[in-house]
Amino acid sequence: MTKTVKTVTDYLEYLTHKGFIFGEDATGFIQFGQYYTETTDEIAIIAIELTLKIQKEFDGAFYISLLESFKKEAIQNRKQAFNFVENLNLI
């Protein structure tokens, strides 16, 4: 990601400009997942990015599962998140 974004809303706008289309259901999952897991914008953005990389599209259930796993494993940054999914052989 070349542009630094600080909020989930900014990140979704960035992705929309890149050609990704998020329906209301996707944005609802994103907001719900972040609220449900009490996740920071940084971790939610990482989960969105990884969901898109792994699933090749936005999958709300996968995204929420990632957020839950990140919370359980106390993932706090991008490096930890990528190491976590690599250890699970997801990427």
PDB file of N, CA and C in Angstrom:
ATOM      1  N   MET A   1       0.855  -1.159   0.000  1.00  0.00           N
ATOM      2  CA  MET A   1       0.000   0.000   0.000  1.00  0.00           C
ATOM      3  C   MET A   1       0.908   1.230   0.000  1.00  0.00           C
ATOM      4  N   THR A   2       0.768   2.050  -1.001  1.00  0.00           N
ATOM      5  CA  THR A   2       1.649   3.199  -1.128  1.00  0.00           C
ATOM      6  C   THR A   2       1.154   4.408  -0.366  1.00  0.00           C
ATOM      7  N   LYS A   3      -0.139   4.558  -0.229  1.00  0.00           N
ATOM      8  CA  LYS A   3      -0.704   5.699   0.475  1.00  0.00           C
ATOM      9  C   LYS A   3      -0.979   5.293   1.919  1.00  0.00           C
ATOM     10  N   THR A   4      -0.556   6.123   2.854  1.00  0.00           N
ATOM     11  CA  THR A   4      -0.802   5.836   4.262  1.00  0.00           C
ATOM     12  C   THR A   4      -2.211   6.298   4.620  1.00  0.00           C
ATOM     13  N   VAL A   5      -2.965   5.394   5.189  1.00  0.00           N
ATOM     14  CA  VAL A   5      -4.318   5.725   5.633  1.00  0.00           C
ATOM     15  C   VAL A   5      -4.412   5.447   7.123  1.00  0.00           C
ATOM     16  N   LYS A   6      -5.241   6.217   7.791  1.00  0.00           N
ATOM     17  CA  LYS A   6      -5.338   6.099   9.240  1.00  0.00           C
ATOM     18  C   LYS A   6      -6.657   5.506   9.704  1.00  0.00           C
ATOM     19  N   THR A   7      -7.695   5.606   8.891  1.00  0.00           N
ATOM     20  CA  THR A   7      -9.001   5.098   9.311  1.00  0.00           C
ATOM     21  C   THR A   7      -9.508   4.060   8.324  1.00  0.00           C
ATOM     22  N   VAL A   8     -10.423   3.253   8.785  1.00  0.00           N
ATOM     23  CA  VAL A   8     -11.038   2.249   7.917  1.00  0.00           C
ATOM     24  C   VAL A   8     -11.756   2.942   6.758  1.00  0.00           C
ATOM     25  N   THR A   9     -12.441   4.031   7.042  1.00  0.00           N
ATOM     26  CA  THR A   9     -13.147   4.766   5.991  1.00  0.00           C
ATOM     27  C   THR A   9     -12.176   5.234   4.907  1.00  0.00           C
ATOM     28  N   ASP A  10     -11.043   5.782   5.313  1.00  0.00           N
ATOM     29  CA  ASP A  10     -10.026   6.212   4.343  1.00  0.00           C
ATOM     30  C   ASP A  10      -9.532   5.029   3.521  1.00  0.00           C
ATOM     31  N   TYR A  11      -9.316   3.895   4.179  1.00  0.00           N
ATOM     32  CA  TYR A  11      -8.818   2.710   3.477  1.00  0.00           C
ATOM     33  C   TYR A  11      -9.838   2.207   2.458  1.00  0.00           C
ATOM     34  N   LEU A  12     -11.105   2.201   2.832  1.00  0.00           N
ATOM     35  CA  LEU A  12     -12.134   1.761   1.894  1.00  0.00           C
ATOM     36  C   LEU A  12     -12.220   2.715   0.703  1.00  0.00           C
ATOM     37  N   GLU A  13     -12.070   4.009   0.947  1.00  0.00           N
ATOM     38  CA  GLU A  13     -12.049   4.977  -0.158  1.00  0.00           C
ATOM     39  C   GLU A  13     -10.849   4.728  -1.059  1.00  0.00           C
ATOM     40  N   TYR A  14      -9.701   4.465  -0.475  1.00  0.00           N
ATOM     41  CA  TYR A  14      -8.485   4.156  -1.222  1.00  0.00           C
ATOM     42  C   TYR A  14      -8.711   2.925  -2.116  1.00  0.00           C
ATOM     43  N   LEU A  15      -9.288   1.875  -1.537  1.00  0.00           N
ATOM     44  CA  LEU A  15      -9.548   0.657  -2.310  1.00  0.00           C
ATOM     45  C   LEU A  15     -10.582   0.893  -3.402  1.00  0.00           C
ATOM     46  N   THR A  16     -11.585   1.701  -3.125  1.00  0.00           N
ATOM     47  CA  THR A  16     -12.602   2.026  -4.131  1.00  0.00           C
ATOM     48  C   THR A  16     -11.947   2.729  -5.319  1.00  0.00           C
ATOM     49  N   HIS A  17     -11.016   3.630  -5.044  1.00  0.00           N
ATOM     50  CA  HIS A  17     -10.296   4.322  -6.125  1.00  0.00           C
ATOM     51  C   HIS A  17      -9.438   3.339  -6.923  1.00  0.00           C
ATOM     52  N   LYS A  18      -9.034   2.248  -6.295  1.00  0.00           N
ATOM     53  CA  LYS A  18      -8.243   1.213  -6.971  1.00  0.00           C
ATOM     54  C   LYS A  18      -9.118   0.217  -7.734  1.00  0.00           C
ATOM     55  N   GLY A  19     -10.449   0.353  -7.606  1.00  0.00           N
ATOM     56  CA  GLY A  19     -11.345  -0.507  -8.371  1.00  0.00           C
ATOM     57  C   GLY A  19     -12.120  -1.541  -7.577  1.00  0.00           C
ATOM     58  N   PHE A  20     -11.870  -1.641  -6.294  1.00  0.00           N
ATOM     59  CA  PHE A  20     -12.642  -2.577  -5.474  1.00  0.00           C
ATOM     60  C   PHE A  20     -14.010  -1.971  -5.196  1.00  0.00           C
ATOM     61  N   ILE A  21     -15.020  -2.805  -5.229  1.00  0.00           N
ATOM     62  CA  ILE A  21     -16.373  -2.334  -4.959  1.00  0.00           C
ATOM     63  C   ILE A  21     -16.877  -3.034  -3.699  1.00  0.00           C
ATOM     64  N   PHE A  22     -17.296  -2.232  -2.745  1.00  0.00           N
ATOM     65  CA  PHE A  22     -17.830  -2.763  -1.495  1.00  0.00           C
ATOM     66  C   PHE A  22     -19.301  -2.410  -1.421  1.00  0.00           C
ATOM     67  N   GLY A  23     -20.141  -3.415  -1.287  1.00  0.00           N
ATOM     68  CA  GLY A  23     -21.565  -3.172  -1.121  1.00  0.00           C
ATOM     69  C   GLY A  23     -21.879  -2.809   0.314  1.00  0.00           C
ATOM     70  N   GLU A  24     -23.148  -2.483   0.550  1.00  0.00           N
ATOM     71  CA  GLU A  24     -23.562  -2.144   1.917  1.00  0.00           C
ATOM     72  C   GLU A  24     -23.326  -3.296   2.875  1.00  0.00           C
ATOM     73  N   ASP A  25     -23.523  -4.530   2.381  1.00  0.00           N
ATOM     74  CA  ASP A  25     -23.307  -5.674   3.256  1.00  0.00           C
ATOM     75  C   ASP A  25     -21.852  -5.771   3.698  1.00  0.00           C
ATOM     76  N   ALA A  26     -20.921  -5.485   2.796  1.00  0.00           N
ATOM     77  CA  ALA A  26     -19.497  -5.550   3.137  1.00  0.00           C
ATOM     78  C   ALA A  26     -19.133  -4.474   4.152  1.00  0.00           C
ATOM     79  N   THR A  27     -19.579  -3.254   3.917  1.00  0.00           N
ATOM     80  CA  THR A  27     -19.255  -2.191   4.871  1.00  0.00           C
ATOM     81  C   THR A  27     -19.921  -2.462   6.219  1.00  0.00           C
ATOM     82  N   GLY A  28     -21.094  -3.067   6.193  1.00  0.00           N
ATOM     83  CA  GLY A  28     -21.752  -3.452   7.442  1.00  0.00           C
ATOM     84  C   GLY A  28     -20.940  -4.482   8.207  1.00  0.00           C
ATOM     85  N   PHE A  29     -20.415  -5.506   7.500  1.00  0.00           N
ATOM     86  CA  PHE A  29     -19.570  -6.514   8.136  1.00  0.00           C
ATOM     87  C   PHE A  29     -18.315  -5.868   8.709  1.00  0.00           C
ATOM     88  N   ILE A  30     -17.736  -4.946   7.958  1.00  0.00           N
ATOM     89  CA  ILE A  30     -16.510  -4.289   8.414  1.00  0.00           C
ATOM     90  C   ILE A  30     -16.768  -3.519   9.698  1.00  0.00           C
ATOM     91  N   GLN A  31     -17.819  -2.728   9.712  1.00  0.00           N
ATOM     92  CA  GLN A  31     -18.148  -1.955  10.907  1.00  0.00           C
ATOM     93  C   GLN A  31     -18.522  -2.859  12.076  1.00  0.00           C
ATOM     94  N   PHE A  32     -19.359  -3.853  11.805  1.00  0.00           N
ATOM     95  CA  PHE A  32     -19.771  -4.768  12.870  1.00  0.00           C
ATOM     96  C   PHE A  32     -18.567  -5.506  13.444  1.00  0.00           C
ATOM     97  N   GLY A  33     -17.722  -6.052  12.567  1.00  0.00           N
ATOM     98  CA  GLY A  33     -16.561  -6.814  13.023  1.00  0.00           C
ATOM     99  C   GLY A  33     -15.629  -5.988  13.873  1.00  0.00           C
ATOM    100  N   GLN A  34     -15.409  -4.749  13.449  1.00  0.00           N
ATOM    101  CA  GLN A  34     -14.525  -3.874  14.216  1.00  0.00           C
ATOM    102  C   GLN A  34     -15.129  -3.562  15.585  1.00  0.00           C
ATOM    103  N   TYR A  35     -16.419  -3.282  15.618  1.00  0.00           N
ATOM    104  CA  TYR A  35     -17.099  -2.986  16.882  1.00  0.00           C
ATOM    105  C   TYR A  35     -17.144  -4.234  17.778  1.00  0.00           C
ATOM    106  N   TYR A  36     -17.531  -5.365  17.199  1.00  0.00           N
ATOM    107  CA  TYR A  36     -17.698  -6.614  17.936  1.00  0.00           C
ATOM    108  C   TYR A  36     -16.394  -7.062  18.603  1.00  0.00           C
ATOM    109  N   THR A  37     -15.285  -6.886  17.896  1.00  0.00           N
ATOM    110  CA  THR A  37     -14.000  -7.333  18.432  1.00  0.00           C
ATOM    111  C   THR A  37     -13.212  -6.206  19.109  1.00  0.00           C
ATOM    112  N   GLU A  38     -13.820  -5.005  19.140  1.00  0.00           N
ATOM    113  CA  GLU A  38     -13.166  -3.841  19.751  1.00  0.00           C
ATOM    114  C   GLU A  38     -11.764  -3.644  19.184  1.00  0.00           C
ATOM    115  N   THR A  39     -11.687  -3.643  17.865  1.00  0.00           N
ATOM    116  CA  THR A  39     -10.429  -3.586  17.143  1.00  0.00           C
ATOM    117  C   THR A  39     -10.107  -2.158  16.720  1.00  0.00           C
ATOM    118  N   THR A  40      -8.834  -1.828  16.725  1.00  0.00           N
ATOM    119  CA  THR A  40      -8.392  -0.520  16.242  1.00  0.00           C
ATOM    120  C   THR A  40      -8.538  -0.444  14.721  1.00  0.00           C
ATOM    121  N   ASP A  41      -8.535   0.772  14.205  1.00  0.00           N
ATOM    122  CA  ASP A  41      -8.574   0.945  12.749  1.00  0.00           C
ATOM    123  C   ASP A  41      -7.392   0.247  12.083  1.00  0.00           C
ATOM    124  N   GLU A  42      -6.214   0.346  12.689  1.00  0.00           N
ATOM    125  CA  GLU A  42      -5.023  -0.278  12.099  1.00  0.00           C
ATOM    126  C   GLU A  42      -5.212  -1.782  11.904  1.00  0.00           C
ATOM    127  N   ILE A  43      -5.700  -2.463  12.918  1.00  0.00           N
ATOM    128  CA  ILE A  43      -5.888  -3.915  12.828  1.00  0.00           C
ATOM    129  C   ILE A  43      -7.033  -4.244  11.874  1.00  0.00           C
ATOM    130  N   ALA A  44      -8.095  -3.465  11.886  1.00  0.00           N
ATOM    131  CA  ALA A  44      -9.206  -3.697  10.948  1.00  0.00           C
ATOM    132  C   ALA A  44      -8.733  -3.548   9.511  1.00  0.00           C
ATOM    133  N   ILE A  45      -7.901  -2.542   9.243  1.00  0.00           N
ATOM    134  CA  ILE A  45      -7.364  -2.345   7.888  1.00  0.00           C
ATOM    135  C   ILE A  45      -6.519  -3.539   7.474  1.00  0.00           C
ATOM    136  N   ILE A  46      -5.694  -4.024   8.374  1.00  0.00           N
ATOM    137  CA  ILE A  46      -4.860  -5.199   8.081  1.00  0.00           C
ATOM    138  C   ILE A  46      -5.754  -6.409   7.781  1.00  0.00           C
ATOM    139  N   ALA A  47      -6.810  -6.583   8.561  1.00  0.00           N
ATOM    140  CA  ALA A  47      -7.727  -7.712   8.342  1.00  0.00           C
ATOM    141  C   ALA A  47      -8.441  -7.589   6.998  1.00  0.00           C
ATOM    142  N   ILE A  48      -8.817  -6.378   6.613  1.00  0.00           N
ATOM    143  CA  ILE A  48      -9.444  -6.180   5.299  1.00  0.00           C
ATOM    144  C   ILE A  48      -8.447  -6.546   4.206  1.00  0.00           C
ATOM    145  N   GLU A  49      -7.231  -6.025   4.320  1.00  0.00           N
ATOM    146  CA  GLU A  49      -6.194  -6.310   3.318  1.00  0.00           C
ATOM    147  C   GLU A  49      -5.945  -7.807   3.183  1.00  0.00           C
ATOM    148  N   LEU A  50      -5.789  -8.487   4.317  1.00  0.00           N
ATOM    149  CA  LEU A  50      -5.521  -9.925   4.275  1.00  0.00           C
ATOM    150  C   LEU A  50      -6.722 -10.706   3.746  1.00  0.00           C
ATOM    151  N   THR A  51      -7.909 -10.287   4.087  1.00  0.00           N
ATOM    152  CA  THR A  51      -9.110 -10.942   3.565  1.00  0.00           C
ATOM    153  C   THR A  51      -9.117 -10.866   2.046  1.00  0.00           C
ATOM    154  N   LEU A  52      -8.829  -9.691   1.502  1.00  0.00           N
ATOM    155  CA  LEU A  52      -8.815  -9.522   0.050  1.00  0.00           C
ATOM    156  C   LEU A  52      -7.695 -10.331  -0.601  1.00  0.00           C
ATOM    157  N   LYS A  53      -6.532 -10.373   0.040  1.00  0.00           N
ATOM    158  CA  LYS A  53      -5.403 -11.135  -0.522  1.00  0.00           C
ATOM    159  C   LYS A  53      -5.666 -12.639  -0.496  1.00  0.00           C
ATOM    160  N   ILE A  54      -6.236 -13.104   0.590  1.00  0.00           N
ATOM    161  CA  ILE A  54      -6.437 -14.551   0.752  1.00  0.00           C
ATOM    162  C   ILE A  54      -7.666 -15.033  -0.003  1.00  0.00           C
ATOM    163  N   GLN A  55      -8.759 -14.316   0.093  1.00  0.00           N
ATOM    164  CA  GLN A  55     -10.030 -14.747  -0.494  1.00  0.00           C
ATOM    165  C   GLN A  55     -10.242 -14.231  -1.920  1.00  0.00           C
ATOM    166  N   LYS A  56      -9.447 -13.265  -2.344  1.00  0.00           N
ATOM    167  CA  LYS A  56      -9.550 -12.637  -3.675  1.00  0.00           C
ATOM    168  C   LYS A  56     -10.806 -11.785  -3.834  1.00  0.00           C
ATOM    169  N   GLU A  57     -11.545 -11.633  -2.759  1.00  0.00           N
ATOM    170  CA  GLU A  57     -12.727 -10.768  -2.704  1.00  0.00           C
ATOM    171  C   GLU A  57     -13.022 -10.550  -1.224  1.00  0.00           C
ATOM    172  N   PHE A  58     -13.949  -9.634  -0.932  1.00  0.00           N
ATOM    173  CA  PHE A  58     -14.269  -9.435   0.477  1.00  0.00           C
ATOM    174  C   PHE A  58     -15.252 -10.496   0.934  1.00  0.00           C
ATOM    175  N   ASP A  59     -14.874 -11.225   1.967  1.00  0.00           N
ATOM    176  CA  ASP A  59     -15.697 -12.263   2.580  1.00  0.00           C
ATOM    177  C   ASP A  59     -15.889 -11.856   4.039  1.00  0.00           C
ATOM    178  N   GLY A  60     -17.100 -11.397   4.366  1.00  0.00           N
ATOM    179  CA  GLY A  60     -17.377 -10.871   5.692  1.00  0.00           C
ATOM    180  C   GLY A  60     -17.114 -11.852   6.811  1.00  0.00           C
ATOM    181  N   ALA A  61     -17.509 -13.096   6.619  1.00  0.00           N
ATOM    182  CA  ALA A  61     -17.307 -14.109   7.664  1.00  0.00           C
ATOM    183  C   ALA A  61     -15.816 -14.358   7.889  1.00  0.00           C
ATOM    184  N   PHE A  62     -15.059 -14.406   6.809  1.00  0.00           N
ATOM    185  CA  PHE A  62     -13.614 -14.611   6.931  1.00  0.00           C
ATOM    186  C   PHE A  62     -12.969 -13.433   7.651  1.00  0.00           C
ATOM    187  N   TYR A  63     -13.386 -12.224   7.288  1.00  0.00           N
ATOM    188  CA  TYR A  63     -12.870 -11.002   7.914  1.00  0.00           C
ATOM    189  C   TYR A  63     -13.112 -11.010   9.427  1.00  0.00           C
ATOM    190  N   ILE A  64     -14.331 -11.323   9.820  1.00  0.00           N
ATOM    191  CA  ILE A  64     -14.654 -11.347  11.255  1.00  0.00           C
ATOM    192  C   ILE A  64     -13.869 -12.447  11.960  1.00  0.00           C
ATOM    193  N   SER A  65     -13.717 -13.583  11.317  1.00  0.00           N
ATOM    194  CA  SER A  65     -12.921 -14.668  11.887  1.00  0.00           C
ATOM    195  C   SER A  65     -11.471 -14.230  12.092  1.00  0.00           C
ATOM    196  N   LEU A  66     -10.919 -13.507  11.118  1.00  0.00           N
ATOM    197  CA  LEU A  66      -9.556 -12.984  11.259  1.00  0.00           C
ATOM    198  C   LEU A  66      -9.470 -12.035  12.449  1.00  0.00           C
ATOM    199  N   LEU A  67     -10.429 -11.115  12.534  1.00  0.00           N
ATOM    200  CA  LEU A  67     -10.419 -10.165  13.654  1.00  0.00           C
ATOM    201  C   LEU A  67     -10.482 -10.897  14.988  1.00  0.00           C
ATOM    202  N   GLU A  68     -11.321 -11.911  15.081  1.00  0.00           N
ATOM    203  CA  GLU A  68     -11.429 -12.687  16.327  1.00  0.00           C
ATOM    204  C   GLU A  68     -10.109 -13.389  16.642  1.00  0.00           C
ATOM    205  N   SER A  69      -9.487 -13.945  15.620  1.00  0.00           N
ATOM    206  CA  SER A  69      -8.197 -14.616  15.815  1.00  0.00           C
ATOM    207  C   SER A  69      -7.117 -13.628  16.223  1.00  0.00           C
ATOM    208  N   PHE A  70      -7.109 -12.461  15.583  1.00  0.00           N
ATOM    209  CA  PHE A  70      -6.127 -11.438  15.944  1.00  0.00           C
ATOM    210  C   PHE A  70      -6.290 -11.025  17.404  1.00  0.00           C
ATOM    211  N   LYS A  71      -7.533 -10.886  17.831  1.00  0.00           N
ATOM    212  CA  LYS A  71      -7.783 -10.499  19.225  1.00  0.00           C
ATOM    213  C   LYS A  71      -7.319 -11.608  20.178  1.00  0.00           C
ATOM    214  N   LYS A  72      -7.679 -12.838  19.861  1.00  0.00           N
ATOM    215  CA  LYS A  72      -7.302 -13.979  20.702  1.00  0.00           C
ATOM    216  C   LYS A  72      -5.779 -14.112  20.815  1.00  0.00           C
ATOM    217  N   GLU A  73      -5.086 -13.863  19.697  1.00  0.00           N
ATOM    218  CA  GLU A  73      -3.627 -14.002  19.664  1.00  0.00           C
ATOM    219  C   GLU A  73      -2.894 -12.707  20.040  1.00  0.00           C
ATOM    220  N   ALA A  74      -3.640 -11.675  20.398  1.00  0.00           N
ATOM    221  CA  ALA A  74      -3.086 -10.367  20.789  1.00  0.00           C
ATOM    222  C   ALA A  74      -2.216  -9.757  19.689  1.00  0.00           C
ATOM    223  N   ILE A  75      -2.671  -9.896  18.452  1.00  0.00           N
ATOM    224  CA  ILE A  75      -1.969  -9.303  17.313  1.00  0.00           C
ATOM    225  C   ILE A  75      -2.119  -7.789  17.401  1.00  0.00           C
ATOM    226  N   GLN A  76      -0.992  -7.078  17.304  1.00  0.00           N
ATOM    227  CA  GLN A  76      -1.047  -5.634  17.468  1.00  0.00           C
ATOM    228  C   GLN A  76      -0.457  -4.847  16.302  1.00  0.00           C
ATOM    229  N   ASN A  77       0.116  -5.543  15.311  1.00  0.00           N
ATOM    230  CA  ASN A  77       0.679  -4.809  14.185  1.00  0.00           C
ATOM    231  C   ASN A  77       0.693  -5.680  12.923  1.00  0.00           C
ATOM    232  N   ARG A  78       1.059  -5.047  11.840  1.00  0.00           N
ATOM    233  CA  ARG A  78       1.050  -5.686  10.520  1.00  0.00           C
ATOM    234  C   ARG A  78       1.978  -6.904  10.470  1.00  0.00           C
ATOM    235  N   LYS A  79       3.176  -6.770  11.004  1.00  0.00           N
ATOM    236  CA  LYS A  79       4.134  -7.874  10.953  1.00  0.00           C
ATOM    237  C   LYS A  79       3.585  -9.101  11.692  1.00  0.00           C
ATOM    238  N   GLN A  80       3.043  -8.885  12.879  1.00  0.00           N
ATOM    239  CA  GLN A  80       2.473 -10.001  13.644  1.00  0.00           C
ATOM    240  C   GLN A  80       1.310 -10.640  12.883  1.00  0.00           C
ATOM    241  N   ALA A  81       0.476  -9.815  12.262  1.00  0.00           N
ATOM    242  CA  ALA A  81      -0.681 -10.329  11.522  1.00  0.00           C
ATOM    243  C   ALA A  81      -0.237 -11.184  10.338  1.00  0.00           C
ATOM    244  N   PHE A  82       0.731 -10.690   9.573  1.00  0.00           N
ATOM    245  CA  PHE A  82       1.201 -11.448   8.417  1.00  0.00           C
ATOM    246  C   PHE A  82       1.888 -12.734   8.849  1.00  0.00           C
ATOM    247  N   ASN A  83       2.684 -12.685   9.927  1.00  0.00           N
ATOM    248  CA  ASN A  83       3.315 -13.906  10.445  1.00  0.00           C
ATOM    249  C   ASN A  83       2.243 -14.912  10.879  1.00  0.00           C
ATOM    250  N   PHE A  84       1.197 -14.423  11.526  1.00  0.00           N
ATOM    251  CA  PHE A  84       0.122 -15.290  11.988  1.00  0.00           C
ATOM    252  C   PHE A  84      -0.524 -16.036  10.812  1.00  0.00           C
ATOM    253  N   VAL A  85      -0.921 -15.315   9.771  1.00  0.00           N
ATOM    254  CA  VAL A  85      -1.595 -15.983   8.653  1.00  0.00           C
ATOM    255  C   VAL A  85      -0.624 -16.848   7.842  1.00  0.00           C
ATOM    256  N   GLU A  86       0.651 -16.471   7.810  1.00  0.00           N
ATOM    257  CA  GLU A  86       1.638 -17.327   7.154  1.00  0.00           C
ATOM    258  C   GLU A  86       1.800 -18.643   7.919  1.00  0.00           C
ATOM    259  N   ASN A  87       1.809 -18.580   9.242  1.00  0.00           N
ATOM    260  CA  ASN A  87       1.927 -19.793  10.058  1.00  0.00           C
ATOM    261  C   ASN A  87       0.728 -20.712   9.889  1.00  0.00           C
ATOM    262  N   LEU A  88      -0.414 -20.140   9.524  1.00  0.00           N
ATOM    263  CA  LEU A  88      -1.609 -20.938   9.250  1.00  0.00           C
ATOM    264  C   LEU A  88      -1.659 -21.406   7.794  1.00  0.00           C
ATOM    265  N   ASN A  89      -0.614 -21.067   7.029  1.00  0.00           N
ATOM    266  CA  ASN A  89      -0.525 -21.399   5.599  1.00  0.00           C
ATOM    267  C   ASN A  89      -1.680 -20.816   4.773  1.00  0.00           C
ATOM    268  N   LEU A  90      -2.116 -19.630   5.168  1.00  0.00           N
ATOM    269  CA  LEU A  90      -3.178 -18.969   4.400  1.00  0.00           C
ATOM    270  C   LEU A  90      -2.613 -18.135   3.262  1.00  0.00           C
ATOM    271  N   ILE A  91      -1.361 -17.684   3.421  1.00  0.00           N
ATOM    272  CA  ILE A  91      -0.671 -16.986   2.325  1.00  0.00           C
ATOM    273  C   ILE A  91       0.742 -17.500   2.204  1.00  0.00           C
TER     274      ILE A  91
END
